């Protein structure tokens, strides 16, 4: 019979008792102010998860978001219909954790990682949604291009593996459609897509129409619709980033796509105002601008793999300099501007290549590619500057060589920039076509 070491067992039991309260840590709801719940107890810290019992005996999760006059301020992660003063509050977990694992591929999850597609996650490990950005000295430099299968981006705004970029546009210009196109066509190993504050109608439409069956197989979709509690919309970004980090740690090339960072900021503003933060620029609270760099800096390269991140920014009234757009642009490594004017003229994708920039294109594109891109941009810019004169017949050939070349090649340039939603172009073919357009333009110049 195996001898039991009672002394060792006793020490192990004592250690478990030290780390676990003997009695449940309980409190009671004392006041409900808007979306904020105030309670006397439990003894919790910022970010701790609590459970509140409703009148019908069901429970909802809430997070500790602040303190006021020895009271705990809680924000619910679920609908709290049936909440009442005196409802018991119990601390259940120190921080929110989610299930991560390769079994997540093909799943659709809610803002805190719970499957909403009816499929169970079988093989997983638990991971906190809060983590630090990679050590800046341990980040691999961005040297390789990442193809997204969209000619306007691959040709003029080439992305690198580990780059972070914002897609800036007003409402209804085509941000979600472009994201779906990128998700289907990219050469990344894994897609992690965060749909934050989206209309409920658009979620299934995006998954079935924009993403498609093939795209979903190598993707994880995190959804928190516009009717979800503000805290759940905020946590959806942390959840999506944590899942992307997990696959990056396995050595994969991961593409994180978030639609939209503006709706995340609006949810964070809602929480901040509810707990008494002072409003600053356009009503946004200080926590919005404090938390934004923390979460955006978690994307990028690590020692193991790469995480390229694309964040859509819903700019107010098509103002590209609104507070959120300006803040995102100052943190990320470039921006893609979608033009409503181009969209209205059936130019899809409506990418304004002159107003957009990829700060890392010079590091990931070869010399021939860079030269062709700059040359054609110059020709295209000359045409745009003279467009009003051309349309009213006031421009005379011979006045400007670049405009003369643009008149001959503008149809080919526009044909290159336009692309069908389900059309994919390989990276090498995109570069080849770009160089061909450059060579034709140079021939016209030399001929003259």
Protein backbone atom coordinates (compact mmCIF):
# COMPACT_ATOMS: atom_id res chain seq x y z
CA UNK A 1 0.00 0.00 0.00
CA UNK A 2 1.34 3.45 -0.97
CA UNK A 3 2.48 5.50 2.04
CA UNK A 4 0.80 8.91 2.33
CA UNK A 5 2.92 11.91 3.33
CA UNK A 6 0.42 13.58 5.71
CA UNK A 7 2.70 16.54 6.48
CA UNK A 8 3.05 17.43 2.79
CA UNK A 9 -0.71 17.00 2.20
CA UNK A 10 -1.49 19.27 5.16
CA UNK A 11 0.85 22.01 3.88
CA UNK A 12 -0.74 21.77 0.44
CA UNK A 13 -4.22 22.10 1.99
CA UNK A 14 -3.10 25.12 4.06
CA UNK A 15 -1.72 26.82 0.93
CA UNK A 16 -5.04 26.36 -0.88
CA UNK A 17 -6.89 27.83 2.09
CA UNK A 18 -4.64 30.90 2.06
CA UNK A 19 -5.47 31.61 -1.58
CA UNK A 20 -9.20 30.96 -1.24
CA UNK A 21 -11.70 32.71 1.05
CA UNK A 22 -13.44 30.42 3.55
CA UNK A 23 -16.77 32.13 2.92
CA UNK A 24 -18.21 33.65 -0.23
CA UNK A 25 -17.35 37.34 -0.62
CA UNK A 26 -20.82 38.87 -0.62
CA UNK A 27 -22.36 42.32 -0.97
CA UNK A 28 -25.74 43.89 -1.68
CA UNK A 29 -26.99 46.27 -4.35
CA UNK A 30 -27.63 49.63 -2.68
CA UNK A 31 -28.36 51.90 -5.64
CA UNK A 32 -28.87 51.73 -9.42
CA UNK A 33 -27.82 54.82 -11.40
CA UNK A 34 -28.40 54.49 -15.14
CA UNK A 35 -26.20 51.61 -16.27
CA UNK A 36 -24.07 51.69 -13.10
CA UNK A 37 -24.80 49.43 -10.13
CA UNK A 38 -23.67 50.56 -6.68
CA UNK A 39 -23.23 47.96 -3.95
CA UNK A 40 -22.02 47.65 -0.36
CA UNK A 41 -19.29 45.03 -0.88
CA UNK A 42 -17.97 42.60 -1.84
CA UNK A 43 -14.29 43.22 -1.15
CA UNK A 44 -13.13 43.45 -4.78
CA UNK A 45 -10.47 45.25 -6.81
CA UNK A 46 -10.75 47.06 -10.15
CA UNK A 47 -11.48 44.56 -12.91
CA UNK A 48 -12.74 41.81 -10.58
CA UNK A 49 -15.74 39.83 -11.81
CA UNK A 50 -18.89 39.61 -9.69
CA UNK A 51 -22.19 37.74 -9.93
CA UNK A 52 -25.53 39.44 -9.17
CA UNK A 53 -28.71 37.45 -8.45
CA UNK A 54 -31.90 38.83 -10.05
CA UNK A 55 -35.51 38.48 -8.89
CA UNK A 56 -36.12 35.37 -11.00
CA UNK A 57 -33.09 33.69 -9.33
CA UNK A 58 -30.97 33.94 -12.50
CA UNK A 59 -27.54 35.53 -12.23
CA UNK A 60 -25.71 38.07 -14.37
CA UNK A 61 -22.02 38.93 -14.53
CA UNK A 62 -20.70 42.40 -13.72
CA UNK A 63 -17.24 43.92 -13.41
CA UNK A 64 -15.88 46.25 -10.75
CA UNK A 65 -15.21 49.55 -12.56
CA UNK A 66 -14.76 51.99 -9.68
CA UNK A 67 -15.43 52.99 -6.07
CA UNK A 68 -17.33 55.86 -4.42
CA UNK A 69 -17.71 56.57 -0.67
CA UNK A 70 -16.77 53.00 0.31
CA UNK A 71 -19.24 51.65 -2.24
CA UNK A 72 -18.35 49.37 -5.15
CA UNK A 73 -19.36 50.52 -8.64
CA UNK A 74 -20.27 47.67 -10.97
CA UNK A 75 -21.02 47.60 -14.69
CA UNK A 76 -23.06 44.64 -16.05
CA UNK A 77 -21.88 42.39 -18.87
CA UNK A 78 -25.42 41.13 -19.48
CA UNK A 79 -29.01 42.39 -19.46
CA UNK A 80 -30.08 43.21 -15.88
CA UNK A 81 -33.86 43.25 -16.21
CA UNK A 82 -35.22 42.22 -12.82
CA UNK A 83 -32.41 43.84 -10.82
CA UNK A 84 -33.51 45.28 -7.46
CA UNK A 85 -32.04 47.10 -4.46
CA UNK A 86 -30.80 44.50 -2.00
CA UNK A 87 -29.90 41.94 -4.67
CA UNK A 88 -26.95 39.79 -3.48
CA UNK A 89 -23.57 40.38 -5.12
CA UNK A 90 -20.81 37.77 -5.00
CA UNK A 91 -17.22 38.05 -6.17
CA UNK A 92 -16.51 35.06 -8.42
CA UNK A 93 -13.23 35.72 -10.24
CA UNK A 94 -10.29 38.10 -10.07
CA UNK A 95 -10.22 38.95 -13.79
CA UNK A 96 -12.15 37.97 -16.91
CA UNK A 97 -10.62 34.92 -18.61
CA UNK A 98 -11.56 33.36 -21.96
CA UNK A 99 -11.03 29.98 -23.59
CA UNK A 100 -8.30 29.96 -26.23
CA UNK A 101 -7.12 27.13 -28.46
CA UNK A 102 -6.88 25.99 -32.06
CA UNK A 103 -10.45 24.66 -31.72
CA UNK A 104 -11.63 28.30 -31.86
CA UNK A 105 -11.19 28.44 -35.65
CA UNK A 106 -14.58 28.65 -37.37
CA UNK A 107 -16.34 29.77 -34.16
CA UNK A 108 -18.43 32.89 -33.56
CA UNK A 109 -18.08 34.18 -29.98
CA UNK A 110 -19.60 36.91 -27.84
CA UNK A 111 -17.66 39.77 -26.21
CA UNK A 112 -16.19 37.58 -23.45
CA UNK A 113 -15.43 34.54 -25.59
CA UNK A 114 -18.59 32.45 -25.15
CA UNK A 115 -19.74 30.60 -28.33
CA UNK A 116 -22.96 32.00 -29.81
CA UNK A 117 -23.05 29.71 -32.86
CA UNK A 118 -24.29 26.64 -30.95
CA UNK A 119 -20.90 24.86 -31.17
CA UNK A 120 -18.90 23.92 -28.08
CA UNK A 121 -15.19 24.62 -27.70
CA UNK A 122 -13.60 21.25 -26.90
CA UNK A 123 -9.87 21.80 -26.50
CA UNK A 124 -8.79 24.97 -24.80
CA UNK A 125 -6.84 26.73 -22.07
CA UNK A 126 -7.92 29.75 -20.04
CA UNK A 127 -6.23 33.10 -20.58
CA UNK A 128 -6.85 36.54 -19.09
CA UNK A 129 -8.03 39.17 -21.56
CA UNK A 130 -5.60 41.65 -19.99
CA UNK A 131 -1.93 41.50 -20.94
CA UNK A 132 0.95 43.83 -21.72
CA UNK A 133 2.26 44.75 -25.16
CA UNK A 134 5.39 42.89 -26.31
CA UNK A 135 8.69 44.34 -25.10
CA UNK A 136 9.64 46.96 -27.73
CA UNK A 137 13.20 45.59 -27.89
CA UNK A 138 11.93 42.05 -28.50
CA UNK A 139 9.59 42.92 -31.37
CA UNK A 140 10.76 41.59 -34.72
CA UNK A 141 11.23 44.35 -37.29
CA UNK A 142 8.65 44.53 -40.07
CA UNK A 143 10.41 43.46 -43.26
CA UNK A 144 7.97 41.18 -45.13
CA UNK A 145 4.90 42.29 -47.10
CA UNK A 146 1.46 40.89 -46.31
CA UNK A 147 -0.79 40.56 -49.35
CA UNK A 148 -4.49 41.31 -48.85
CA UNK A 149 -5.56 40.59 -52.44
CA UNK A 150 -6.82 44.15 -53.01
CA UNK A 151 -4.88 45.86 -55.83
CA UNK A 152 -5.22 49.43 -54.54
CA UNK A 153 -3.76 48.38 -51.16
CA UNK A 154 -1.13 45.89 -52.37
CA UNK A 155 0.00 48.26 -55.13
CA UNK A 156 -0.01 51.70 -53.45
CA UNK A 157 -0.37 51.04 -49.69
CA UNK A 158 1.52 47.78 -49.19
CA UNK A 159 1.15 46.33 -45.68
CA UNK A 160 3.88 44.54 -43.75
CA UNK A 161 3.50 41.57 -41.42
CA UNK A 162 2.98 43.11 -37.99
CA UNK A 163 1.78 46.51 -39.20
CA UNK A 164 -1.21 48.31 -37.66
CA UNK A 165 -3.34 50.45 -39.94
CA UNK A 166 -6.65 52.30 -39.74
CA UNK A 167 -9.41 52.37 -42.37
CA UNK A 168 -11.01 55.81 -42.11
CA UNK A 169 -14.48 56.45 -43.51
CA UNK A 170 -17.91 57.84 -42.80
CA UNK A 171 -20.96 55.62 -42.39
CA UNK A 172 -22.11 53.53 -45.36
CA UNK A 173 -18.98 53.97 -47.49
CA UNK A 174 -17.95 50.29 -47.47
CA UNK A 175 -15.64 49.57 -44.52
CA UNK A 176 -17.21 46.22 -43.60
CA UNK A 177 -17.33 45.06 -47.23
CA UNK A 178 -13.64 45.88 -47.66
CA UNK A 179 -12.81 43.99 -44.45
CA UNK A 180 -14.65 40.91 -45.75
CA UNK A 181 -12.75 41.15 -49.03
CA UNK A 182 -9.43 41.33 -47.16
CA UNK A 183 -10.38 38.41 -44.89
CA UNK A 184 -11.10 36.17 -47.89
CA UNK A 185 -8.05 37.15 -49.93
CA UNK A 186 -5.26 37.65 -47.39
CA UNK A 187 -2.23 35.36 -47.21
CA UNK A 188 -2.30 35.44 -43.36
CA UNK A 189 -2.63 32.06 -41.62
CA UNK A 190 -5.43 33.07 -39.22
CA UNK A 191 -8.05 35.86 -39.18
CA UNK A 192 -9.47 37.21 -35.93
CA UNK A 193 -12.41 39.53 -36.60
CA UNK A 194 -13.99 41.76 -33.95
CA UNK A 195 -17.42 43.16 -34.82
CA UNK A 196 -18.01 45.81 -32.14
CA UNK A 197 -21.24 47.77 -31.97
CA UNK A 198 -22.43 46.35 -35.31
CA UNK A 199 -26.10 46.17 -36.24
CA UNK A 200 -27.46 42.71 -35.41
CA UNK A 201 -28.73 42.35 -38.98
CA UNK A 202 -25.25 42.83 -40.41
CA UNK A 203 -23.50 40.13 -38.36
CA UNK A 204 -24.88 37.10 -40.19
CA UNK A 205 -24.70 39.00 -43.46
CA UNK A 206 -20.98 39.67 -42.90
CA UNK A 207 -20.24 36.06 -41.93
CA UNK A 208 -22.16 34.43 -44.81
CA UNK A 209 -21.82 37.01 -47.56
CA UNK A 210 -18.63 39.00 -46.94
CA UNK A 211 -16.54 36.37 -45.12
CA UNK A 212 -17.95 33.23 -46.74
CA UNK A 213 -17.51 29.57 -45.79
CA UNK A 214 -13.85 29.39 -46.81
CA UNK A 215 -13.00 32.58 -44.95
CA UNK A 216 -14.76 31.40 -41.78
CA UNK A 217 -12.77 28.14 -41.67
CA UNK A 218 -9.58 30.03 -40.84
CA UNK A 219 -11.22 32.79 -38.82
CA UNK A 220 -12.47 33.48 -35.32
CA UNK A 221 -15.30 36.04 -35.13
CA UNK A 222 -15.98 37.99 -31.92
CA UNK A 223 -19.36 39.76 -31.92
CA UNK A 224 -20.82 42.40 -29.63
CA UNK A 225 -23.79 44.11 -31.27
CA UNK A 226 -24.96 47.69 -30.71
CA UNK A 227 -27.66 46.58 -28.22
CA UNK A 228 -25.09 44.82 -25.98
CA UNK A 229 -24.13 46.46 -22.66
CA UNK A 230 -21.34 49.02 -23.04
CA UNK A 231 -18.93 46.93 -20.97
CA UNK A 232 -19.42 43.90 -23.22
CA UNK A 233 -18.65 46.03 -26.30
CA UNK A 234 -15.45 47.24 -24.63
CA UNK A 235 -14.39 43.71 -23.64
CA UNK A 236 -14.98 42.42 -27.18
CA UNK A 237 -11.86 44.28 -28.36
CA UNK A 238 -9.80 42.80 -25.51
CA UNK A 239 -11.16 39.32 -26.28
CA UNK A 240 -10.37 39.55 -30.01
CA UNK A 241 -6.86 40.86 -29.28
CA UNK A 242 -6.22 38.07 -26.74
CA UNK A 243 -7.25 35.39 -29.24
CA UNK A 244 -4.99 36.96 -31.88
CA UNK A 245 -2.14 36.99 -29.34
CA UNK A 246 -2.66 33.28 -28.66
CA UNK A 247 -2.24 32.35 -32.34
CA UNK A 248 0.70 34.77 -32.67
CA UNK A 249 2.40 33.02 -29.73
CA UNK A 250 2.10 29.74 -31.67
CA UNK A 251 4.14 31.31 -34.49
CA UNK A 252 1.30 32.06 -36.94
CA UNK A 253 0.92 35.14 -39.14
CA UNK A 254 -2.31 36.54 -37.71
CA UNK A 255 -4.55 39.25 -39.18
CA UNK A 256 -6.68 41.04 -36.57
CA UNK A 257 -9.57 43.08 -38.01
CA UNK A 258 -11.73 45.30 -35.81
CA UNK A 259 -14.92 47.03 -36.97
CA UNK A 260 -14.99 49.56 -35.44
CA UNK A 261 -12.59 51.20 -33.00
CA UNK A 262 -14.93 54.23 -32.88
CA UNK A 263 -17.82 52.20 -31.46
CA UNK A 264 -15.40 50.75 -28.89
CA UNK A 265 -14.45 54.32 -27.92
CA UNK A 266 -18.12 55.28 -27.65
CA UNK A 267 -18.76 52.34 -25.30
CA UNK A 268 -15.71 53.31 -23.21
CA UNK A 269 -17.04 56.89 -23.10
CA UNK A 270 -20.42 55.60 -21.86
CA UNK A 271 -18.72 53.74 -19.02
CA UNK A 272 -16.50 56.69 -18.13
CA UNK A 273 -19.40 59.16 -17.95
CA UNK A 274 -21.44 56.68 -15.85
CA UNK A 275 -18.76 56.44 -13.16
CA UNK A 276 -18.18 60.19 -13.03
CA UNK A 277 -15.28 60.89 -15.40
CA UNK A 278 -15.25 64.45 -16.78
CA UNK A 279 -16.01 64.78 -20.51
CA UNK A 280 -13.24 66.23 -22.66
CA UNK A 281 -13.04 66.54 -26.47
CA UNK A 282 -16.52 66.00 -27.98
CA UNK A 283 -17.64 64.30 -24.77
CA UNK A 284 -14.99 61.57 -24.81
CA UNK A 285 -13.59 60.82 -21.35
CA UNK A 286 -9.87 60.63 -20.44
CA UNK A 287 -10.05 56.81 -20.10
CA UNK A 288 -10.78 56.52 -23.85
CA UNK A 289 -7.49 58.16 -24.80
CA UNK A 290 -5.61 56.42 -21.96
CA UNK A 291 -6.78 52.91 -22.88
CA UNK A 292 -6.53 53.24 -26.67
CA UNK A 293 -2.72 53.07 -26.96
CA UNK A 294 -2.61 50.23 -24.41
CA UNK A 295 -4.85 47.98 -26.51
CA UNK A 296 -3.51 49.05 -29.93
CA UNK A 297 0.11 48.49 -28.86
CA UNK A 298 -0.67 44.83 -28.09
CA UNK A 299 -0.85 44.22 -31.85
CA UNK A 300 2.31 43.86 -33.91
CA UNK A 301 5.19 41.39 -33.98
CA UNK A 302 6.54 39.34 -31.10
CA UNK A 303 9.47 36.94 -30.89
CA UNK A 304 7.25 34.04 -32.03
CA UNK A 305 4.93 35.33 -34.78
CA UNK A 306 3.23 38.34 -36.32
CA UNK A 307 -0.07 40.12 -35.70
CA UNK A 308 -1.10 42.55 -38.42
CA UNK A 309 -4.03 44.70 -37.29
CA UNK A 310 -6.62 46.64 -39.29
CA UNK A 311 -8.96 48.96 -37.35
CA UNK A 312 -11.89 50.70 -39.00
CA UNK A 313 -12.58 54.25 -37.82
CA UNK A 314 -16.09 55.63 -38.26
CA UNK A 315 -15.38 59.35 -38.66
CA UNK A 316 -18.11 61.82 -37.75
CA UNK A 317 -19.58 63.77 -40.68
CA UNK A 318 -16.72 62.53 -42.91
CA UNK A 319 -14.31 64.63 -40.82
CA UNK A 320 -10.99 62.77 -40.98
CA UNK A 321 -9.66 64.89 -38.10
CA UNK A 322 -12.28 63.96 -35.51
CA UNK A 323 -10.80 63.07 -32.04
CA UNK A 324 -10.88 59.27 -32.44
CA UNK A 325 -9.60 59.32 -36.01
CA UNK A 326 -6.80 61.68 -35.05
CA UNK A 327 -5.86 59.58 -32.00
CA UNK A 328 -5.84 56.28 -33.93
CA UNK A 329 -3.82 57.83 -36.76
CA UNK A 330 -1.17 58.98 -34.26
CA UNK A 331 -0.74 55.44 -32.87
CA UNK A 332 -0.97 53.13 -35.88
CA UNK A 333 1.44 52.73 -38.82
CA UNK A 334 -0.65 54.27 -41.58
CA UNK A 335 -4.23 54.89 -42.67
CA UNK A 336 -6.49 54.07 -45.62
CA UNK A 337 -9.10 56.72 -46.45
CA UNK A 338 -12.35 55.64 -48.09
CA UNK A 339 -13.89 58.47 -50.14
CA UNK A 340 -17.67 58.98 -50.24
CA UNK A 341 -17.22 60.84 -53.55
CA UNK A 342 -15.58 57.76 -55.11
CA UNK A 343 -18.26 55.48 -53.61
CA UNK A 344 -21.02 57.68 -55.05
CA UNK A 345 -19.44 57.33 -58.50
CA UNK A 346 -19.47 53.49 -58.25
CA UNK A 347 -15.69 53.34 -57.82
CA UNK A 348 -15.14 50.30 -55.60
CA UNK A 349 -13.24 49.91 -53.38
CA UNK A 350 -13.46 53.70 -52.84
CA UNK A 351 -9.85 54.01 -51.62
CA UNK A 352 -8.40 57.51 -51.98
CA UNK A 353 -4.78 56.57 -52.68
CA UNK A 354 -3.63 60.21 -52.51
CA UNK A 355 -5.03 60.77 -49.00
CA UNK A 356 -3.88 57.35 -47.72
CA UNK A 357 -0.43 56.23 -46.58
CA UNK A 358 1.35 53.09 -45.41
CA UNK A 359 4.29 54.18 -43.27
CA UNK A 360 6.05 50.85 -43.72
CA UNK A 361 5.69 50.42 -47.49
CA UNK A 362 9.29 51.56 -48.04
CA UNK A 363 10.48 48.75 -45.72
CA UNK A 364 8.53 45.89 -47.34
CA UNK A 365 8.29 46.77 -51.07
CA UNK A 366 11.16 46.34 -53.56
CA UNK A 367 12.64 49.27 -55.53
CA UNK A 368 10.76 48.55 -58.80
CA UNK A 369 7.47 48.41 -56.92
CA UNK A 370 8.15 51.63 -55.01
CA UNK A 371 9.22 53.50 -58.13
CA UNK A 372 6.14 52.42 -60.09
CA UNK A 373 3.83 53.30 -57.20
CA UNK A 374 5.29 56.82 -56.78
CA UNK A 375 5.33 57.49 -60.52
CA UNK A 376 1.68 56.52 -61.07
CA UNK A 377 0.56 58.42 -57.95
CA UNK A 378 2.24 61.53 -59.38
CA UNK A 379 0.45 61.10 -62.73
CA UNK A 380 -2.87 60.43 -60.97
CA UNK A 381 -2.46 63.50 -58.71
CA UNK A 382 -1.80 65.70 -61.76
CA UNK A 383 -5.03 64.45 -63.35
CA UNK A 384 -7.07 65.08 -60.17
CA UNK A 385 -5.70 68.64 -59.93
CA UNK A 386 -6.72 69.36 -63.54
CA UNK A 387 -9.98 67.40 -63.50
CA UNK A 388 -12.27 70.44 -63.25
CA UNK A 389 -10.58 72.08 -66.25
CA UNK A 390 -10.73 68.83 -68.25
CA UNK A 391 -14.45 68.30 -67.54
CA UNK A 392 -15.42 71.80 -68.71
CA UNK A 393 -13.15 71.56 -71.79
CA UNK A 394 -10.81 74.33 -70.63
CA UNK A 395 -7.67 72.19 -70.64
CA UNK A 396 -5.52 72.19 -73.78
CA UNK A 397 -3.17 69.33 -74.54
CA UNK A 398 0.49 70.30 -74.32
CA UNK A 399 -0.03 72.54 -71.28
CA UNK A 400 1.24 69.85 -68.85
CA UNK A 401 3.03 66.62 -69.82
CA UNK A 402 1.83 64.70 -66.78
CA UNK A 403 -1.80 65.64 -67.43
CA UNK A 404 -1.41 64.64 -71.10
CA UNK A 405 -0.14 61.21 -70.02
CA UNK A 406 -2.94 60.91 -67.46
CA UNK A 407 -5.57 61.62 -70.16
CA UNK A 408 -4.25 58.66 -72.15
CA UNK A 409 -3.85 56.27 -69.18
CA UNK A 410 -6.55 57.32 -66.69
CA UNK A 411 -8.90 54.53 -67.78
CA UNK A 412 -6.18 51.92 -67.20
CA UNK A 413 -5.29 53.44 -63.81
CA UNK A 414 -8.95 53.49 -62.72
CA UNK A 415 -9.39 49.93 -63.98
CA UNK A 416 -6.44 48.92 -61.77
CA UNK A 417 -7.88 50.72 -58.73
CA UNK A 418 -11.39 49.28 -59.21
CA UNK A 419 -11.98 45.68 -58.15
CA UNK A 420 -14.99 43.40 -57.80
CA UNK A 421 -15.97 42.33 -54.30
CA UNK A 422 -15.24 38.65 -55.05
CA UNK A 423 -12.27 39.33 -57.32
CA UNK A 424 -8.83 38.38 -56.03
CA UNK A 425 -5.49 39.41 -57.53
CA UNK A 426 -2.22 37.77 -56.52
CA UNK A 427 0.46 40.07 -55.13
CA UNK A 428 2.95 39.35 -57.94
CA UNK A 429 0.32 40.05 -60.62
CA UNK A 430 -0.57 43.36 -58.94
CA UNK A 431 3.06 44.52 -59.04
CA UNK A 432 3.47 43.34 -62.64
CA UNK A 433 0.39 45.30 -63.79
CA UNK A 434 1.55 48.39 -61.90
CA UNK A 435 4.96 48.33 -63.63
CA UNK A 436 3.29 47.81 -67.03
CA UNK A 437 1.18 50.97 -66.53
CA UNK A 438 4.33 52.88 -65.51
CA UNK A 439 6.20 51.71 -68.63
CA UNK A 440 3.34 52.78 -70.92
CA UNK A 441 3.26 56.22 -69.28
CA UNK A 442 7.02 56.63 -69.69
CA UNK A 443 6.78 55.66 -73.37
CA UNK A 444 4.21 58.41 -73.96
CA UNK A 445 6.45 60.97 -72.20
CA UNK A 446 9.58 59.92 -74.14
CA UNK A 447 7.63 59.92 -77.43
CA UNK A 448 6.61 63.53 -76.87
